[in-house]
Amino acid sequence: MDYKFLLQRFYSVITSPVRAWETINSGDRPLKEVRNSYLLPLACLVAVSKIAGSFFLVNRQLSFTYSLLTGINYFLLIYAVVFLSTVILKEMTYAFDLGRDFATSFRLIVYSLTPLFVCLVISNLFESLIFIDVLALYGLYIFWEGAKKMLNIPEHKKMPLLIITAVTVIVLFFVFGFALDKITDRIYYTLFD
């Protein structure tokens, strides 16, 4: 895992998305490296923050096993949302006559979700700061800039693609989150309670 890449890319995506997309568009990293050195560490960080926040601050009456299950739940949630959103975006770009490239769609989704990952780390650690998740909307701007650079999208197709992608990610996040919460609760109260 390339931690230097993770930190540099994270910083550039958050502070200067336009410049970051220019670097990303030049194809500097293979898809496998983006997944292993960017998505997985951030998903693990979100999961660990969920475990810590759940165990130390929220569910003090439940065992550590429940907190561990909620952390695994969040890791799976992020992974599922990213990959399903990527597949849906790939199909949408085909429908919008912008090509059909999984790698481009994956990069757009992963890097655009960076502000969400930061917000989730904070709100998972301190549940009272859940309002901070609103700052994840900065990801829409990151997606907008990335779509301009990576897809060469015509002006009249930008807004519909942005709206459909945002709604897709939000719906997938809540649907899978709800389903995984139910599964986690069922597993915990059946096997460990």
N, C-alpha and C. Protein backbone atom coordinates (compact mmCIF):
# COMPACT_ATOMS: atom_id res chain seq x y z
N MET A 1 0.84 -1.18 0.00
CA MET A 1 0.00 0.00 0.00
C MET A 1 0.88 1.24 0.00
N ASP A 2 0.50 2.19 -0.82
CA ASP A 2 1.27 3.40 -1.00
C ASP A 2 0.64 4.54 -0.19
N TYR A 3 1.15 4.75 1.03
CA TYR A 3 0.59 5.78 1.90
C TYR A 3 0.87 7.18 1.39
N LYS A 4 2.00 7.35 0.74
CA LYS A 4 2.33 8.66 0.19
C LYS A 4 1.30 9.03 -0.88
N PHE A 5 0.96 8.07 -1.74
CA PHE A 5 -0.07 8.30 -2.76
C PHE A 5 -1.40 8.65 -2.10
N LEU A 6 -1.77 7.90 -1.07
CA LEU A 6 -3.04 8.14 -0.37
C LEU A 6 -3.10 9.57 0.17
N LEU A 7 -2.08 9.98 0.88
CA LEU A 7 -2.08 11.32 1.49
C LEU A 7 -2.03 12.42 0.44
N GLN A 8 -1.19 12.25 -0.58
CA GLN A 8 -1.10 13.28 -1.61
C GLN A 8 -2.40 13.40 -2.40
N ARG A 9 -2.98 12.26 -2.77
CA ARG A 9 -4.21 12.29 -3.55
C ARG A 9 -5.37 12.82 -2.71
N PHE A 10 -5.43 12.40 -1.46
CA PHE A 10 -6.48 12.88 -0.55
C PHE A 10 -6.41 14.40 -0.43
N TYR A 11 -5.22 14.91 -0.18
CA TYR A 11 -5.03 16.35 -0.02
C TYR A 11 -5.38 17.10 -1.30
N SER A 12 -4.94 16.58 -2.43
CA SER A 12 -5.19 17.30 -3.69
C SER A 12 -6.67 17.26 -4.08
N VAL A 13 -7.35 16.14 -3.83
CA VAL A 13 -8.78 16.06 -4.15
C VAL A 13 -9.58 17.03 -3.29
N ILE A 14 -9.23 17.14 -2.03
CA ILE A 14 -9.96 18.02 -1.12
C ILE A 14 -9.64 19.49 -1.37
N THR A 15 -8.38 19.83 -1.55
CA THR A 15 -7.99 21.23 -1.63
C THR A 15 -8.05 21.83 -3.03
N SER A 16 -7.74 21.04 -4.05
CA SER A 16 -7.76 21.58 -5.42
C SER A 16 -8.23 20.49 -6.39
N PRO A 17 -9.54 20.26 -6.43
CA PRO A 17 -10.06 19.19 -7.28
C PRO A 17 -9.75 19.35 -8.76
N VAL A 18 -9.71 20.57 -9.26
CA VAL A 18 -9.45 20.77 -10.69
C VAL A 18 -8.06 20.26 -11.04
N ARG A 19 -7.09 20.62 -10.26
CA ARG A 19 -5.72 20.16 -10.50
C ARG A 19 -5.61 18.65 -10.28
N ALA A 20 -6.32 18.14 -9.27
CA ALA A 20 -6.29 16.70 -9.00
C ALA A 20 -6.85 15.92 -10.18
N TRP A 21 -7.95 16.41 -10.77
CA TRP A 21 -8.54 15.69 -11.90
C TRP A 21 -7.63 15.73 -13.12
N GLU A 22 -6.85 16.78 -13.27
CA GLU A 22 -5.88 16.81 -14.38
C GLU A 22 -4.86 15.69 -14.22
N THR A 23 -4.40 15.49 -12.99
CA THR A 23 -3.45 14.41 -12.72
C THR A 23 -4.11 13.05 -12.90
N ILE A 24 -5.33 12.91 -12.40
CA ILE A 24 -6.05 11.64 -12.49
C ILE A 24 -6.34 11.31 -13.94
N ASN A 25 -6.72 12.31 -14.72
CA ASN A 25 -7.05 12.10 -16.13
C ASN A 25 -5.84 11.66 -16.95
N SER A 26 -4.66 12.02 -16.50
CA SER A 26 -3.46 11.61 -17.23
C SER A 26 -3.18 10.12 -17.05
N GLY A 27 -3.97 9.46 -16.20
CA GLY A 27 -3.85 8.00 -16.05
C GLY A 27 -2.62 7.57 -15.29
N ASP A 28 -2.32 8.29 -14.22
CA ASP A 28 -1.08 8.03 -13.50
C ASP A 28 -1.10 6.76 -12.66
N ARG A 29 -2.26 6.24 -12.30
CA ARG A 29 -2.34 5.06 -11.44
C ARG A 29 -3.32 4.04 -12.01
N PRO A 30 -2.96 2.75 -11.97
CA PRO A 30 -3.91 1.72 -12.41
C PRO A 30 -5.07 1.60 -11.42
N LEU A 31 -6.17 1.07 -11.90
CA LEU A 31 -7.39 0.96 -11.10
C LEU A 31 -7.17 0.16 -9.83
N LYS A 32 -6.40 -0.91 -9.92
CA LYS A 32 -6.12 -1.76 -8.76
C LYS A 32 -5.43 -0.96 -7.66
N GLU A 33 -4.53 -0.09 -8.05
CA GLU A 33 -3.80 0.72 -7.06
C GLU A 33 -4.72 1.77 -6.43
N VAL A 34 -5.64 2.32 -7.21
CA VAL A 34 -6.61 3.27 -6.65
C VAL A 34 -7.47 2.56 -5.62
N ARG A 35 -7.89 1.35 -5.95
CA ARG A 35 -8.71 0.58 -5.00
C ARG A 35 -7.92 0.22 -3.75
N ASN A 36 -6.73 -0.33 -3.93
CA ASN A 36 -5.96 -0.83 -2.78
C ASN A 36 -5.29 0.27 -1.96
N SER A 37 -4.88 1.35 -2.61
CA SER A 37 -4.15 2.39 -1.89
C SER A 37 -4.98 3.61 -1.56
N TYR A 38 -6.22 3.66 -2.02
CA TYR A 38 -7.06 4.82 -1.71
C TYR A 38 -8.39 4.40 -1.08
N LEU A 39 -9.17 3.62 -1.80
CA LEU A 39 -10.50 3.25 -1.30
C LEU A 39 -10.42 2.38 -0.05
N LEU A 40 -9.65 1.31 -0.10
CA LEU A 40 -9.62 0.39 1.04
C LEU A 40 -9.11 1.04 2.33
N PRO A 41 -8.03 1.83 2.30
CA PRO A 41 -7.61 2.47 3.56
C PRO A 41 -8.66 3.44 4.11
N LEU A 42 -9.32 4.19 3.22
CA LEU A 42 -10.34 5.12 3.71
C LEU A 42 -11.55 4.37 4.23
N ALA A 43 -11.94 3.29 3.57
CA ALA A 43 -13.07 2.48 4.06
C ALA A 43 -12.72 1.85 5.40
N CYS A 44 -11.48 1.40 5.55
CA CYS A 44 -11.05 0.83 6.84
C CYS A 44 -11.03 1.91 7.93
N LEU A 45 -10.61 3.10 7.59
CA LEU A 45 -10.60 4.20 8.56
C LEU A 45 -12.02 4.52 9.03
N VAL A 46 -12.97 4.54 8.10
CA VAL A 46 -14.37 4.77 8.47
C VAL A 46 -14.88 3.65 9.36
N ALA A 47 -14.53 2.41 9.02
CA ALA A 47 -14.97 1.25 9.81
C ALA A 47 -14.38 1.30 11.22
N VAL A 48 -13.11 1.63 11.33
CA VAL A 48 -12.46 1.72 12.65
C VAL A 48 -13.08 2.85 13.47
N SER A 49 -13.40 3.96 12.83
CA SER A 49 -14.05 5.05 13.57
C SER A 49 -15.43 4.63 14.04
N LYS A 50 -16.12 3.82 13.25
CA LYS A 50 -17.44 3.32 13.67
C LYS A 50 -17.30 2.37 14.86
N ILE A 51 -16.30 1.51 14.83
CA ILE A 51 -16.06 0.59 15.95
C ILE A 51 -15.76 1.38 17.21
N ALA A 52 -14.83 2.33 17.11
CA ALA A 52 -14.44 3.11 18.29
C ALA A 52 -15.60 3.95 18.82
N GLY A 53 -16.29 4.63 17.93
CA GLY A 53 -17.41 5.46 18.37
C GLY A 53 -18.53 4.63 18.98
N SER A 54 -18.79 3.48 18.38
CA SER A 54 -19.85 2.61 18.88
C SER A 54 -19.49 2.03 20.24
N PHE A 55 -18.26 1.59 20.39
CA PHE A 55 -17.87 0.93 21.64
C PHE A 55 -17.68 1.91 22.79
N PHE A 56 -16.99 3.02 22.53
CA PHE A 56 -16.65 3.92 23.61
C PHE A 56 -17.72 4.96 23.95
N LEU A 57 -18.55 5.31 22.96
CA LEU A 57 -19.47 6.42 23.21
C LEU A 57 -20.95 6.07 23.06
N VAL A 58 -21.30 5.15 22.19
CA VAL A 58 -22.72 4.94 21.89
C VAL A 58 -23.28 3.71 22.59
N ASN A 59 -22.68 2.57 22.36
CA ASN A 59 -23.23 1.30 22.84
C ASN A 59 -22.42 0.73 24.01
N ARG A 60 -22.30 1.50 25.03
CA ARG A 60 -21.48 1.06 26.16
C ARG A 60 -22.10 -0.13 26.88
N GLN A 61 -23.41 -0.33 26.76
CA GLN A 61 -24.05 -1.45 27.43
C GLN A 61 -23.93 -2.75 26.62
N LEU A 62 -23.57 -2.65 25.33
CA LEU A 62 -23.41 -3.84 24.50
C LEU A 62 -21.94 -4.24 24.46
N SER A 63 -21.69 -5.46 24.06
CA SER A 63 -20.31 -5.96 24.04
C SER A 63 -19.53 -5.38 22.86
N PHE A 64 -18.23 -5.61 22.89
CA PHE A 64 -17.36 -5.17 21.80
C PHE A 64 -17.73 -5.86 20.49
N THR A 65 -18.30 -7.04 20.57
CA THR A 65 -18.69 -7.78 19.38
C THR A 65 -19.69 -6.98 18.55
N TYR A 66 -20.62 -6.33 19.21
CA TYR A 66 -21.60 -5.53 18.48
C TYR A 66 -20.90 -4.36 17.77
N SER A 67 -19.98 -3.71 18.44
CA SER A 67 -19.24 -2.61 17.81
C SER A 67 -18.41 -3.10 16.63
N LEU A 68 -17.82 -4.27 16.78
CA LEU A 68 -17.05 -4.85 15.68
C LEU A 68 -17.96 -5.15 14.49
N LEU A 69 -19.13 -5.69 14.76
CA LEU A 69 -20.08 -5.97 13.68
C LEU A 69 -20.53 -4.69 12.97
N THR A 70 -20.72 -3.62 13.73
CA THR A 70 -21.12 -2.36 13.09
C THR A 70 -19.99 -1.80 12.23
N GLY A 71 -18.76 -2.00 12.65
CA GLY A 71 -17.61 -1.57 11.84
C GLY A 71 -17.52 -2.35 10.54
N ILE A 72 -17.70 -3.66 10.64
CA ILE A 72 -17.70 -4.51 9.43
C ILE A 72 -18.86 -4.09 8.53
N ASN A 73 -19.98 -3.80 9.14
CA ASN A 73 -21.17 -3.33 8.43
C ASN A 73 -20.83 -2.08 7.61
N TYR A 74 -20.16 -1.11 8.21
CA TYR A 74 -19.81 0.12 7.50
C TYR A 74 -18.81 -0.11 6.39
N PHE A 75 -17.85 -0.99 6.61
CA PHE A 75 -16.89 -1.31 5.56
C PHE A 75 -17.60 -1.91 4.36
N LEU A 76 -18.48 -2.88 4.61
CA LEU A 76 -19.24 -3.51 3.52
C LEU A 76 -20.15 -2.50 2.84
N LEU A 77 -20.74 -1.62 3.62
CA LEU A 77 -21.62 -0.59 3.07
C LEU A 77 -20.86 0.30 2.09
N ILE A 78 -19.71 0.78 2.49
CA ILE A 78 -18.93 1.65 1.62
C ILE A 78 -18.51 0.92 0.36
N TYR A 79 -18.02 -0.29 0.54
CA TYR A 79 -17.58 -1.07 -0.62
C TYR A 79 -18.74 -1.32 -1.58
N ALA A 80 -19.89 -1.72 -1.07
CA ALA A 80 -21.05 -2.00 -1.91
C ALA A 80 -21.54 -0.74 -2.62
N VAL A 81 -21.63 0.36 -1.90
CA VAL A 81 -22.10 1.61 -2.50
C VAL A 81 -21.15 2.07 -3.60
N VAL A 82 -19.86 2.00 -3.35
CA VAL A 82 -18.89 2.44 -4.36
C VAL A 82 -19.01 1.58 -5.62
N PHE A 83 -19.03 0.27 -5.47
CA PHE A 83 -19.02 -0.58 -6.67
C PHE A 83 -20.36 -0.57 -7.39
N LEU A 84 -21.47 -0.55 -6.68
CA LEU A 84 -22.76 -0.47 -7.36
C LEU A 84 -22.96 0.90 -8.02
N SER A 85 -22.52 1.95 -7.36
CA SER A 85 -22.60 3.28 -7.97
C SER A 85 -21.73 3.35 -9.22
N THR A 86 -20.59 2.71 -9.18
CA THR A 86 -19.71 2.69 -10.34
C THR A 86 -20.37 1.98 -11.52
N VAL A 87 -20.98 0.84 -11.25
CA VAL A 87 -21.65 0.09 -12.32
C VAL A 87 -22.81 0.92 -12.89
N ILE A 88 -23.58 1.55 -12.02
CA ILE A 88 -24.70 2.36 -12.49
C ILE A 88 -24.20 3.58 -13.27
N LEU A 89 -23.15 4.23 -12.79
CA LEU A 89 -22.58 5.37 -13.52
C LEU A 89 -22.05 4.94 -14.87
N LYS A 90 -21.42 3.79 -14.93
CA LYS A 90 -20.91 3.27 -16.21
C LYS A 90 -22.05 3.10 -17.20
N GLU A 91 -23.17 2.57 -16.75
CA GLU A 91 -24.32 2.38 -17.63
C GLU A 91 -24.97 3.72 -17.99
N MET A 92 -24.96 4.67 -17.05
CA MET A 92 -25.52 5.99 -17.35
C MET A 92 -24.67 6.72 -18.38
N THR A 93 -23.36 6.62 -18.27
CA THR A 93 -22.51 7.28 -19.26
C THR A 93 -22.73 6.68 -20.65
N TYR A 94 -23.02 5.41 -20.70
CA TYR A 94 -23.35 4.78 -21.98
C TYR A 94 -24.68 5.33 -22.51
N ALA A 95 -25.66 5.46 -21.63
CA ALA A 95 -26.96 6.01 -22.03
C ALA A 95 -26.85 7.47 -22.46
N PHE A 96 -25.93 8.21 -21.86
CA PHE A 96 -25.71 9.61 -22.22
C PHE A 96 -24.77 9.75 -23.41
N ASP A 97 -24.37 8.63 -24.00
CA ASP A 97 -23.47 8.60 -25.15
C ASP A 97 -22.09 9.20 -24.81
N LEU A 98 -21.58 8.81 -23.63
CA LEU A 98 -20.28 9.29 -23.18
C LEU A 98 -19.27 8.16 -23.08
N GLY A 99 -19.61 7.00 -23.60
CA GLY A 99 -18.73 5.84 -23.50
C GLY A 99 -19.15 4.95 -22.36
N ARG A 100 -18.44 3.87 -22.21
CA ARG A 100 -18.74 2.90 -21.15
C ARG A 100 -17.41 2.41 -20.60
N ASP A 101 -16.91 3.11 -19.60
CA ASP A 101 -15.60 2.79 -19.04
C ASP A 101 -15.71 2.63 -17.53
N PHE A 102 -15.49 1.41 -17.05
CA PHE A 102 -15.59 1.14 -15.61
C PHE A 102 -14.52 1.90 -14.84
N ALA A 103 -13.31 1.96 -15.37
CA ALA A 103 -12.21 2.61 -14.65
C ALA A 103 -12.49 4.10 -14.43
N THR A 104 -12.99 4.77 -15.45
CA THR A 104 -13.31 6.20 -15.30
C THR A 104 -14.44 6.39 -14.30
N SER A 105 -15.47 5.56 -14.40
CA SER A 105 -16.60 5.66 -13.46
C SER A 105 -16.14 5.40 -12.04
N PHE A 106 -15.27 4.42 -11.86
CA PHE A 106 -14.76 4.09 -10.53
C PHE A 106 -14.00 5.27 -9.94
N ARG A 107 -13.12 5.85 -10.73
CA ARG A 107 -12.35 6.99 -10.24
C ARG A 107 -13.27 8.16 -9.88
N LEU A 108 -14.26 8.43 -10.73
CA LEU A 108 -15.20 9.52 -10.44
C LEU A 108 -15.92 9.29 -9.11
N ILE A 109 -16.40 8.09 -8.89
CA ILE A 109 -17.15 7.79 -7.66
C ILE A 109 -16.23 7.85 -6.44
N VAL A 110 -15.11 7.16 -6.50
CA VAL A 110 -14.22 7.06 -5.33
C VAL A 110 -13.70 8.43 -4.90
N TYR A 111 -13.19 9.19 -5.83
CA TYR A 111 -12.62 10.48 -5.46
C TYR A 111 -13.71 11.47 -5.05
N SER A 112 -14.88 11.36 -5.64
CA SER A 112 -15.98 12.26 -5.27
C SER A 112 -16.53 11.96 -3.88
N LEU A 113 -16.36 10.74 -3.42
CA LEU A 113 -16.84 10.37 -2.09
C LEU A 113 -15.84 10.69 -0.98
N THR A 114 -14.70 11.25 -1.32
CA THR A 114 -13.69 11.58 -0.32
C THR A 114 -14.23 12.46 0.81
N PRO A 115 -14.97 13.54 0.52
CA PRO A 115 -15.51 14.34 1.63
C PRO A 115 -16.48 13.54 2.51
N LEU A 116 -17.22 12.61 1.90
CA LEU A 116 -18.12 11.77 2.69
C LEU A 116 -17.33 10.90 3.65
N PHE A 117 -16.22 10.36 3.20
CA PHE A 117 -15.39 9.52 4.08
C PHE A 117 -14.90 10.32 5.28
N VAL A 118 -14.47 11.54 5.04
CA VAL A 118 -14.00 12.40 6.14
C VAL A 118 -15.14 12.68 7.12
N CYS A 119 -16.29 13.03 6.59
CA CYS A 119 -17.44 13.32 7.44
C CYS A 119 -17.88 12.09 8.24
N LEU A 120 -17.83 10.92 7.61
CA LEU A 120 -18.23 9.70 8.31
C LEU A 120 -17.27 9.36 9.44
N VAL A 121 -15.99 9.60 9.24
CA VAL A 121 -15.03 9.35 10.32
C VAL A 121 -15.38 10.20 11.53
N ILE A 122 -15.66 11.47 11.30
CA ILE A 122 -15.97 12.37 12.42
C ILE A 122 -17.32 12.02 13.06
N SER A 123 -18.35 11.82 12.23
CA SER A 123 -19.68 11.57 12.80
C SER A 123 -19.80 10.16 13.38
N ASN A 124 -18.98 9.23 12.95
CA ASN A 124 -18.99 7.90 13.58
C ASN A 124 -18.29 7.92 14.93
N LEU A 125 -17.25 8.72 15.04
CA LEU A 125 -16.57 8.83 16.33
C LEU A 125 -17.42 9.59 17.35
N PHE A 126 -18.02 10.67 16.90
CA PHE A 126 -18.82 11.52 17.79
C PHE A 126 -20.22 11.67 17.19
N GLU A 127 -21.13 10.84 17.63
CA GLU A 127 -22.47 10.81 17.04
C GLU A 127 -23.19 12.15 17.13
N SER A 128 -22.87 12.95 18.11
CA SER A 128 -23.53 14.25 18.24
C SER A 128 -23.11 15.23 17.13
N LEU A 129 -22.07 14.90 16.39
CA LEU A 129 -21.61 15.76 15.30
C LEU A 129 -22.13 15.27 13.94
N ILE A 130 -23.24 14.58 13.93
CA ILE A 130 -23.76 14.03 12.68
C ILE A 130 -24.10 15.12 11.66
N PHE A 131 -24.40 16.31 12.14
CA PHE A 131 -24.70 17.41 11.23
C PHE A 131 -23.54 17.73 10.30
N ILE A 132 -22.34 17.32 10.66
CA ILE A 132 -21.16 17.58 9.84
C ILE A 132 -21.22 16.83 8.51
N ASP A 133 -22.08 15.81 8.43
CA ASP A 133 -22.21 15.05 7.19
C ASP A 133 -22.71 15.90 6.03
N VAL A 134 -23.28 17.05 6.32
CA VAL A 134 -23.71 17.97 5.26
C VAL A 134 -22.52 18.42 4.42
N LEU A 135 -21.35 18.49 5.04
CA LEU A 135 -20.15 18.92 4.32
C LEU A 135 -19.76 17.93 3.23
N ALA A 136 -20.32 16.73 3.25
CA ALA A 136 -20.04 15.75 2.21
C ALA A 136 -20.58 16.20 0.86
N LEU A 137 -21.45 17.21 0.86
CA LEU A 137 -21.97 17.74 -0.41
C LEU A 137 -20.87 18.37 -1.26
N TYR A 138 -19.74 18.64 -0.67
CA TYR A 138 -18.58 19.12 -1.43
C TYR A 138 -18.19 18.10 -2.49
N GLY A 139 -18.53 16.85 -2.25
CA GLY A 139 -18.26 15.80 -3.23
C GLY A 139 -18.98 16.03 -4.54
N LEU A 140 -20.10 16.73 -4.52
CA LEU A 140 -20.81 17.05 -5.77
C LEU A 140 -19.96 17.96 -6.65
N TYR A 141 -19.30 18.91 -6.03
CA TYR A 141 -18.39 19.79 -6.79
C TYR A 141 -17.22 18.98 -7.34
N ILE A 142 -16.68 18.09 -6.52
CA ILE A 142 -15.57 17.25 -6.98
C ILE A 142 -16.02 16.39 -8.16
N PHE A 143 -17.23 15.83 -8.07
CA PHE A 143 -17.76 15.03 -9.17
C PHE A 143 -17.95 15.88 -10.43
N TRP A 144 -18.48 17.08 -10.25
CA TRP A 144 -18.72 17.99 -11.36
C TRP A 144 -17.43 18.27 -12.12
N GLU A 145 -16.40 18.61 -11.37
CA GLU A 145 -15.10 18.90 -12.00
C GLU A 145 -14.51 17.64 -12.65
N GLY A 146 -14.68 16.50 -12.01
CA GLY A 146 -14.17 15.26 -12.57
C GLY A 146 -14.91 14.84 -13.83
N ALA A 147 -16.22 15.04 -13.85
CA ALA A 147 -17.00 14.68 -15.04
C ALA A 147 -16.59 15.56 -16.22
N LYS A 148 -16.33 16.84 -15.96
CA LYS A 148 -15.88 17.73 -17.04
C LYS A 148 -14.55 17.25 -17.61
N LYS A 149 -13.65 16.86 -16.73
CA LYS A 149 -12.31 16.49 -17.16
C LYS A 149 -12.24 15.07 -17.73
N MET A 150 -12.89 14.13 -17.07
CA MET A 150 -12.74 12.72 -17.44
C MET A 150 -13.68 12.28 -18.57
N LEU A 151 -14.85 12.90 -18.66
CA LEU A 151 -15.85 12.43 -19.62
C LEU A 151 -16.03 13.37 -20.81
N ASN A 152 -15.44 14.55 -20.76
CA ASN A 152 -15.65 15.55 -21.81
C ASN A 152 -17.15 15.70 -22.08
N ILE A 153 -17.88 15.93 -21.04
CA ILE A 153 -19.34 15.92 -21.09
C ILE A 153 -19.87 17.25 -21.63
N PRO A 154 -20.84 17.20 -22.54
CA PRO A 154 -21.45 18.44 -23.02
C PRO A 154 -22.20 19.15 -21.89
N GLU A 155 -22.33 20.44 -22.04
CA GLU A 155 -22.92 21.27 -20.98
C GLU A 155 -24.33 20.83 -20.60
N HIS A 156 -25.16 20.47 -21.57
CA HIS A 156 -26.55 20.11 -21.28
C HIS A 156 -26.71 18.75 -20.62
N LYS A 157 -25.63 17.95 -20.55
CA LYS A 157 -25.71 16.64 -19.91
C LYS A 157 -25.08 16.61 -18.52
N LYS A 158 -24.41 17.69 -18.13
CA LYS A 158 -23.71 17.72 -16.84
C LYS A 158 -24.67 17.62 -15.66
N MET A 159 -25.66 18.48 -15.64
CA MET A 159 -26.56 18.53 -14.49
C MET A 159 -27.38 17.25 -14.34
N PRO A 160 -27.97 16.71 -15.42
CA PRO A 160 -28.70 15.44 -15.25
C PRO A 160 -27.81 14.30 -14.74
N LEU A 161 -26.57 14.24 -15.25
CA LEU A 161 -25.66 13.19 -14.78
C LEU A 161 -25.31 13.38 -13.31
N LEU A 162 -25.07 14.63 -12.90
CA LEU A 162 -24.77 14.93 -11.50
C LEU A 162 -25.93 14.54 -10.60
N ILE A 163 -27.14 14.93 -10.97
CA ILE A 163 -28.31 14.65 -10.14
C ILE A 163 -28.57 13.15 -10.04
N ILE A 164 -28.52 12.46 -11.16
CA ILE A 164 -28.78 11.02 -11.15
C ILE A 164 -27.72 10.29 -10.33
N THR A 165 -26.47 10.68 -10.47
CA THR A 165 -25.40 10.03 -9.70
C THR A 165 -25.56 10.30 -8.21
N ALA A 166 -25.86 11.55 -7.85
CA ALA A 166 -26.04 11.89 -6.43
C ALA A 166 -27.21 11.11 -5.83
N VAL A 167 -28.32 11.06 -6.53
CA VAL A 167 -29.48 10.32 -6.03
C VAL A 167 -29.16 8.83 -5.92
N THR A 168 -28.44 8.30 -6.89
CA THR A 168 -28.05 6.89 -6.86
C THR A 168 -27.22 6.58 -5.62
N VAL A 169 -26.20 7.39 -5.36
CA VAL A 169 -25.33 7.15 -4.21
C VAL A 169 -26.12 7.26 -2.91
N ILE A 170 -26.96 8.28 -2.80
CA ILE A 170 -27.73 8.48 -1.57
C ILE A 170 -28.70 7.32 -1.33
N VAL A 171 -29.42 6.93 -2.37
CA VAL A 171 -30.38 5.83 -2.23
C VAL A 171 -29.67 4.53 -1.88
N LEU A 172 -28.57 4.23 -2.58
CA LEU A 172 -27.82 3.01 -2.27
C LEU A 172 -27.29 3.04 -0.85
N PHE A 173 -26.79 4.19 -0.41
CA PHE A 173 -26.25 4.31 0.94
C PHE A 173 -27.32 4.02 1.99
N PHE A 174 -28.49 4.60 1.82
CA PHE A 174 -29.54 4.39 2.82
C PHE A 174 -30.17 3.00 2.73
N VAL A 175 -30.38 2.49 1.53
CA VAL A 175 -30.98 1.16 1.39
C VAL A 175 -30.05 0.08 1.92
N PHE A 176 -28.79 0.12 1.48
CA PHE A 176 -27.85 -0.88 1.98
C PHE A 176 -27.55 -0.69 3.46
N GLY A 177 -27.49 0.57 3.90
CA GLY A 177 -27.27 0.82 5.33
C GLY A 177 -28.38 0.24 6.18
N PHE A 178 -29.61 0.45 5.76
CA PHE A 178 -30.76 -0.10 6.49
C PHE A 178 -30.72 -1.62 6.50
N ALA A 179 -30.47 -2.22 5.34
CA ALA A 179 -30.43 -3.68 5.25
C ALA A 179 -29.29 -4.26 6.08
N LEU A 180 -28.12 -3.67 6.00
CA LEU A 180 -26.98 -4.17 6.78
C LEU A 180 -27.19 -3.98 8.27
N ASP A 181 -27.84 -2.90 8.68
CA ASP A 181 -28.16 -2.71 10.10
C ASP A 181 -29.07 -3.81 10.61
N LYS A 182 -30.07 -4.15 9.82
CA LYS A 182 -31.00 -5.23 10.22
C LYS A 182 -30.27 -6.56 10.31
N ILE A 183 -29.40 -6.82 9.36
CA ILE A 183 -28.63 -8.08 9.37
C ILE A 183 -27.69 -8.11 10.57
N THR A 184 -27.01 -6.99 10.83
CA THR A 184 -26.10 -6.91 11.97
C THR A 184 -26.84 -7.16 13.28
N ASP A 185 -27.97 -6.50 13.44
CA ASP A 185 -28.75 -6.69 14.67
C ASP A 185 -29.22 -8.14 14.81
N ARG A 186 -29.68 -8.71 13.72
CA ARG A 186 -30.14 -10.10 13.76
C ARG A 186 -29.00 -11.05 14.12
N ILE A 187 -27.84 -10.85 13.52
CA ILE A 187 -26.67 -11.71 13.82
C ILE A 187 -26.28 -11.56 15.28
N TYR A 188 -26.18 -10.32 15.75
CA TYR A 188 -25.74 -10.09 17.12
C TYR A 188 -26.72 -10.70 18.14
N TYR A 189 -28.00 -10.38 17.98
CA TYR A 189 -28.97 -10.84 18.99
C TYR A 189 -29.27 -12.32 18.87
N THR A 190 -28.97 -12.93 17.73
CA THR A 190 -29.15 -14.38 17.59
C THR A 190 -27.95 -15.16 18.12
N LEU A 191 -26.75 -14.69 17.79
CA LEU A 191 -25.55 -15.46 18.11
C LEU A 191 -24.83 -15.02 19.38
N PHE A 192 -24.88 -13.74 19.70
CA PHE A 192 -24.01 -13.23 20.77
C PHE A 192 -24.75 -12.70 22.00
N ASP A 193 -26.05 -12.61 21.96
CA ASP A 193 -26.77 -12.04 23.09
C ASP A 193 -27.21 -13.12 24.04
